[in-house]
Amino acid sequence: MKTVLFLCTGNYYRSRFAEEVFNHLAERSGLDWRAQSRGLALERGVDNVGPISTFVETALKARDIPVVGIERMPSSCAASDLEVADLVIALHEDEHRPLMIERFPIWDRSVEYWRVPDTDLLAPDIALPSIEKQVNLLVARLRDRDRLGA
């Protein structure tokens, strides 16, 4: 089984949503991939309450996606996470590329960057559907790639 690693700052909101949506879609479509998520700077999430954002929990329930990782506290990214991942996606290039360069410089060029900012720049009712759309496109891309044996 292959692994996609979703990264955001606090592993509380965007990356957790991407992980849950990806795993749901991958399982439903028989894709031989599994997602994990990590944060690049958990120390910046001092206002985060509990293990996962209520925005994520609400959005997943509205989509009838079970919240598998609801009890898991945010996890910090380690080099070993990057080493074992087949694909690494950071949710917002402007925010996460500097963190990758600072903390994991040899990995920066291996990361696919999306453009979904945090709640201070983009409301959850816009950000989460954007992530969902990107994840759907990713699942289709991986399914096509697996089908072609790439």
C-alpha atoms as a PDB file:
ATOM      1  CA  MET A   1       0.000   0.000   0.000  1.00  0.00           C
ATOM      2  CA  LYS A   2       1.256   3.482  -0.885  1.00  0.00           C
ATOM      3  CA  THR A   3       1.033   6.512   1.377  1.00  0.00           C
ATOM      4  CA  VAL A   4       0.205  10.158   0.820  1.00  0.00           C
ATOM      5  CA  LEU A   5       1.231  12.537   3.602  1.00  0.00           C
ATOM      6  CA  PHE A   6      -0.782  15.739   3.993  1.00  0.00           C
ATOM      7  CA  LEU A   7       0.961  18.596   5.784  1.00  0.00           C
ATOM      8  CA  CYS A   8      -0.357  21.793   7.291  1.00  0.00           C
ATOM      9  CA  THR A   9       0.806  23.961  10.142  1.00  0.00           C
ATOM     10  CA  GLY A  10      -0.990  22.505  13.153  1.00  0.00           C
ATOM     11  CA  ASN A  11      -2.355  19.142  11.946  1.00  0.00           C
ATOM     12  CA  TYR A  12      -5.681  20.255  13.303  1.00  0.00           C
ATOM     13  CA  TYR A  13      -7.762  21.508  10.398  1.00  0.00           C
ATOM     14  CA  ARG A  14      -6.722  21.363   6.723  1.00  0.00           C
ATOM     15  CA  SER A  15      -4.439  18.315   6.707  1.00  0.00           C
ATOM     16  CA  ARG A  16      -6.817  16.371   8.932  1.00  0.00           C
ATOM     17  CA  PHE A  17      -9.734  17.086   6.588  1.00  0.00           C
ATOM     18  CA  ALA A  18      -7.658  16.066   3.562  1.00  0.00           C
ATOM     19  CA  GLU A  19      -6.579  12.855   5.316  1.00  0.00           C
ATOM     20  CA  GLU A  20     -10.105  11.809   6.246  1.00  0.00           C
ATOM     21  CA  VAL A  21     -11.603  12.644   2.844  1.00  0.00           C
ATOM     22  CA  PHE A  22      -8.759  10.927   0.990  1.00  0.00           C
ATOM     23  CA  ASN A  23      -8.998   7.735   3.058  1.00  0.00           C
ATOM     24  CA  HIS A  24     -12.759   7.610   2.610  1.00  0.00           C
ATOM     25  CA  LEU A  25     -12.538   8.062  -1.174  1.00  0.00           C
ATOM     26  CA  ALA A  26      -9.566   5.711  -1.576  1.00  0.00           C
ATOM     27  CA  GLU A  27     -11.310   2.936   0.323  1.00  0.00           C
ATOM     28  CA  ARG A  28     -14.566   3.473  -1.551  1.00  0.00           C
ATOM     29  CA  SER A  29     -12.815   3.333  -4.930  1.00  0.00           C
ATOM     30  CA  GLY A  30     -10.467   0.441  -4.097  1.00  0.00           C
ATOM     31  CA  LEU A  31      -7.364   2.601  -4.433  1.00  0.00           C
ATOM     32  CA  ASP A  32      -4.268   1.013  -2.877  1.00  0.00           C
ATOM     33  CA  TRP A  33      -3.276   4.230  -1.096  1.00  0.00           C
ATOM     34  CA  ARG A  34      -3.705   5.472   2.466  1.00  0.00           C
ATOM     35  CA  ALA A  35      -3.323   9.013   3.807  1.00  0.00           C
ATOM     36  CA  GLN A  36      -1.688  10.279   6.948  1.00  0.00           C
ATOM     37  CA  SER A  37      -1.316  13.873   8.098  1.00  0.00           C
ATOM     38  CA  ARG A  38       1.164  15.843  10.149  1.00  0.00           C
ATOM     39  CA  GLY A  39       1.851  19.404  11.214  1.00  0.00           C
ATOM     40  CA  LEU A  40       4.922  21.451  10.451  1.00  0.00           C
ATOM     41  CA  ALA A  41       4.629  23.860  13.403  1.00  0.00           C
ATOM     42  CA  LEU A  42       2.308  22.567  16.127  1.00  0.00           C
ATOM     43  CA  GLU A  43       3.566  25.297  18.443  1.00  0.00           C
ATOM     44  CA  ARG A  44       1.633  27.825  16.347  1.00  0.00           C
ATOM     45  CA  GLY A  45      -1.684  26.172  17.209  1.00  0.00           C
ATOM     46  CA  VAL A  46      -1.962  27.542  20.735  1.00  0.00           C
ATOM     47  CA  ASP A  47      -5.640  28.394  20.169  1.00  0.00           C
ATOM     48  CA  ASN A  48      -6.563  24.921  18.923  1.00  0.00           C
ATOM     49  CA  VAL A  49      -8.953  23.158  21.270  1.00  0.00           C
ATOM     50  CA  GLY A  50      -9.138  19.376  21.346  1.00  0.00           C
ATOM     51  CA  PRO A  51      -7.772  16.869  18.875  1.00  0.00           C
ATOM     52  CA  ILE A  52      -9.456  18.128  15.669  1.00  0.00           C
ATOM     53  CA  SER A  53     -11.182  21.283  14.442  1.00  0.00           C
ATOM     54  CA  THR A  54     -14.938  21.412  14.882  1.00  0.00           C
ATOM     55  CA  PHE A  55     -15.075  22.740  11.304  1.00  0.00           C
ATOM     56  CA  VAL A  56     -13.570  19.453  10.127  1.00  0.00           C
ATOM     57  CA  GLU A  57     -15.843  17.329  12.256  1.00  0.00           C
ATOM     58  CA  THR A  58     -18.949  19.190  11.048  1.00  0.00           C
ATOM     59  CA  ALA A  59     -17.885  19.099   7.375  1.00  0.00           C
ATOM     60  CA  LEU A  60     -17.135  15.379   7.463  1.00  0.00           C
ATOM     61  CA  LYS A  61     -20.448  14.565   9.143  1.00  0.00           C
ATOM     62  CA  ALA A  62     -22.290  16.653   6.532  1.00  0.00           C
ATOM     63  CA  ARG A  63     -20.643  14.480   3.852  1.00  0.00           C
ATOM     64  CA  ASP A  64     -21.417  11.214   5.686  1.00  0.00           C
ATOM     65  CA  ILE A  65     -17.703  10.545   6.075  1.00  0.00           C
ATOM     66  CA  PRO A  66     -16.876   8.813   9.359  1.00  0.00           C
ATOM     67  CA  VAL A  67     -14.334  10.743  11.420  1.00  0.00           C
ATOM     68  CA  VAL A  68     -11.885   7.907  12.014  1.00  0.00           C
ATOM     69  CA  GLY A  69      -9.151   9.999  13.621  1.00  0.00           C
ATOM     70  CA  ILE A  70     -11.367  12.131  15.839  1.00  0.00           C
ATOM     71  CA  GLU A  71      -9.559  11.126  19.041  1.00  0.00           C
ATOM     72  CA  ARG A  72      -6.011  11.509  17.679  1.00  0.00           C
ATOM     73  CA  MET A  73      -4.212  14.613  18.827  1.00  0.00           C
ATOM     74  CA  PRO A  74      -2.258  16.623  16.234  1.00  0.00           C
ATOM     75  CA  SER A  75       1.053  15.025  15.278  1.00  0.00           C
ATOM     76  CA  SER A  76       4.260  16.810  14.384  1.00  0.00           C
ATOM     77  CA  CYS A  77       6.040  15.937  11.153  1.00  0.00           C
ATOM     78  CA  ALA A  78       9.333  14.078  11.472  1.00  0.00           C
ATOM     79  CA  ALA A  79      11.873  13.217   8.796  1.00  0.00           C
ATOM     80  CA  SER A  80      10.786   9.585   9.078  1.00  0.00           C
ATOM     81  CA  ASP A  81       7.251  10.581   7.975  1.00  0.00           C
ATOM     82  CA  LEU A  82       8.676  12.154   4.833  1.00  0.00           C
ATOM     83  CA  GLU A  83      10.971   9.195   4.162  1.00  0.00           C
ATOM     84  CA  VAL A  84       8.168   6.628   4.091  1.00  0.00           C
ATOM     85  CA  ALA A  85       5.600   8.683   2.175  1.00  0.00           C
ATOM     86  CA  ASP A  86       5.171   8.028  -1.533  1.00  0.00           C
ATOM     87  CA  LEU A  87       3.657  11.479  -2.024  1.00  0.00           C
ATOM     88  CA  VAL A  88       3.816  14.564   0.204  1.00  0.00           C
ATOM     89  CA  ILE A  89       1.316  17.401  -0.152  1.00  0.00           C
ATOM     90  CA  ALA A  90       1.433  20.642   1.829  1.00  0.00           C
ATOM     91  CA  LEU A  91      -1.873  22.481   1.908  1.00  0.00           C
ATOM     92  CA  HIS A  92      -0.670  26.062   1.386  1.00  0.00           C
ATOM     93  CA  GLU A  93       2.497  26.882  -0.491  1.00  0.00           C
ATOM     94  CA  ASP A  94       2.958  30.430   0.844  1.00  0.00           C
ATOM     95  CA  GLU A  95       2.701  29.203   4.423  1.00  0.00           C
ATOM     96  CA  HIS A  96       4.300  25.770   4.237  1.00  0.00           C
ATOM     97  CA  ARG A  97       7.193  26.110   1.799  1.00  0.00           C
ATOM     98  CA  PRO A  98       9.106  28.381   4.235  1.00  0.00           C
ATOM     99  CA  LEU A  99       8.493  25.858   7.029  1.00  0.00           C
ATOM    100  CA  MET A 100       9.713  23.003   4.826  1.00  0.00           C
ATOM    101  CA  ILE A 101      12.835  24.945   3.867  1.00  0.00           C
ATOM    102  CA  GLU A 102      13.508  25.792   7.518  1.00  0.00           C
ATOM    103  CA  ARG A 103      12.786  22.392   9.056  1.00  0.00           C
ATOM    104  CA  PHE A 104      13.226  19.849   6.250  1.00  0.00           C
ATOM    105  CA  PRO A 105      15.274  21.570   3.533  1.00  0.00           C
ATOM    106  CA  ILE A 106      16.198  18.443   1.612  1.00  0.00           C
ATOM    107  CA  TRP A 107      12.512  17.582   1.171  1.00  0.00           C
ATOM    108  CA  ASP A 108      11.198  20.909  -0.137  1.00  0.00           C
ATOM    109  CA  ARG A 109      11.522  20.018  -3.822  1.00  0.00           C
ATOM    110  CA  SER A 110       9.743  16.696  -3.271  1.00  0.00           C
ATOM    111  CA  VAL A 111       6.575  18.315  -1.924  1.00  0.00           C
ATOM    112  CA  GLU A 112       3.492  19.078  -3.983  1.00  0.00           C
ATOM    113  CA  TYR A 113       2.058  22.383  -2.782  1.00  0.00           C
ATOM    114  CA  TRP A 114      -1.617  23.298  -2.900  1.00  0.00           C
ATOM    115  CA  ARG A 115      -3.035  26.773  -2.303  1.00  0.00           C
ATOM    116  CA  VAL A 116      -5.531  26.499   0.557  1.00  0.00           C
ATOM    117  CA  PRO A 117      -4.805  29.044   3.291  1.00  0.00           C
ATOM    118  CA  ASP A 118      -5.803  28.814   6.941  1.00  0.00           C
ATOM    119  CA  THR A 119      -8.967  30.283   8.479  1.00  0.00           C
ATOM    120  CA  ASP A 120      -7.411  33.721   8.956  1.00  0.00           C
ATOM    121  CA  LEU A 121      -7.298  34.085   5.152  1.00  0.00           C
ATOM    122  CA  LEU A 122     -10.050  31.804   3.866  1.00  0.00           C
ATOM    123  CA  ALA A 123     -13.316  30.849   5.549  1.00  0.00           C
ATOM    124  CA  PRO A 124     -13.863  27.128   6.202  1.00  0.00           C
ATOM    125  CA  ASP A 125     -17.003  27.074   4.026  1.00  0.00           C
ATOM    126  CA  ILE A 126     -14.740  27.915   1.075  1.00  0.00           C
ATOM    127  CA  ALA A 127     -11.500  26.205   2.163  1.00  0.00           C
ATOM    128  CA  LEU A 128     -12.898  22.762   2.956  1.00  0.00           C
ATOM    129  CA  PRO A 129     -14.766  22.338  -0.359  1.00  0.00           C
ATOM    130  CA  SER A 130     -11.572  23.462  -2.103  1.00  0.00           C
ATOM    131  CA  ILE A 131      -9.597  20.757  -0.291  1.00  0.00           C
ATOM    132  CA  GLU A 132     -12.297  18.219  -1.103  1.00  0.00           C
ATOM    133  CA  LYS A 133     -12.095  19.118  -4.796  1.00  0.00           C
ATOM    134  CA  GLN A 134      -8.291  18.818  -4.758  1.00  0.00           C
ATOM    135  CA  VAL A 135      -8.505  15.442  -2.993  1.00  0.00           C
ATOM    136  CA  ASN A 136     -11.031  14.178  -5.555  1.00  0.00           C
ATOM    137  CA  LEU A 137      -8.671  15.215  -8.356  1.00  0.00           C
ATOM    138  CA  LEU A 138      -5.780  13.543  -6.539  1.00  0.00           C
ATOM    139  CA  VAL A 139      -7.676  10.268  -6.132  1.00  0.00           C
ATOM    140  CA  ALA A 140      -8.558  10.299  -9.850  1.00  0.00           C
ATOM    141  CA  ARG A 141      -4.930  11.035 -10.762  1.00  0.00           C
ATOM    142  CA  LEU A 142      -3.605   8.217  -8.559  1.00  0.00           C
ATOM    143  CA  ARG A 143      -6.233   5.788  -9.854  1.00  0.00           C
ATOM    144  CA  ASP A 144      -5.209   6.614 -13.445  1.00  0.00           C
ATOM    145  CA  ARG A 145      -1.517   6.321 -12.590  1.00  0.00           C
ATOM    146  CA  ASP A 146      -2.031   2.960 -10.863  1.00  0.00           C
ATOM    147  CA  ARG A 147      -4.109   1.749 -13.809  1.00  0.00           C
ATOM    148  CA  LEU A 148      -1.289   2.659 -16.192  1.00  0.00           C
ATOM    149  CA  GLY A 149       1.285   1.014 -13.922  1.00  0.00           C
ATOM    150  CA  ALA A 150       3.260   4.224 -13.444  1.00  0.00           C
END
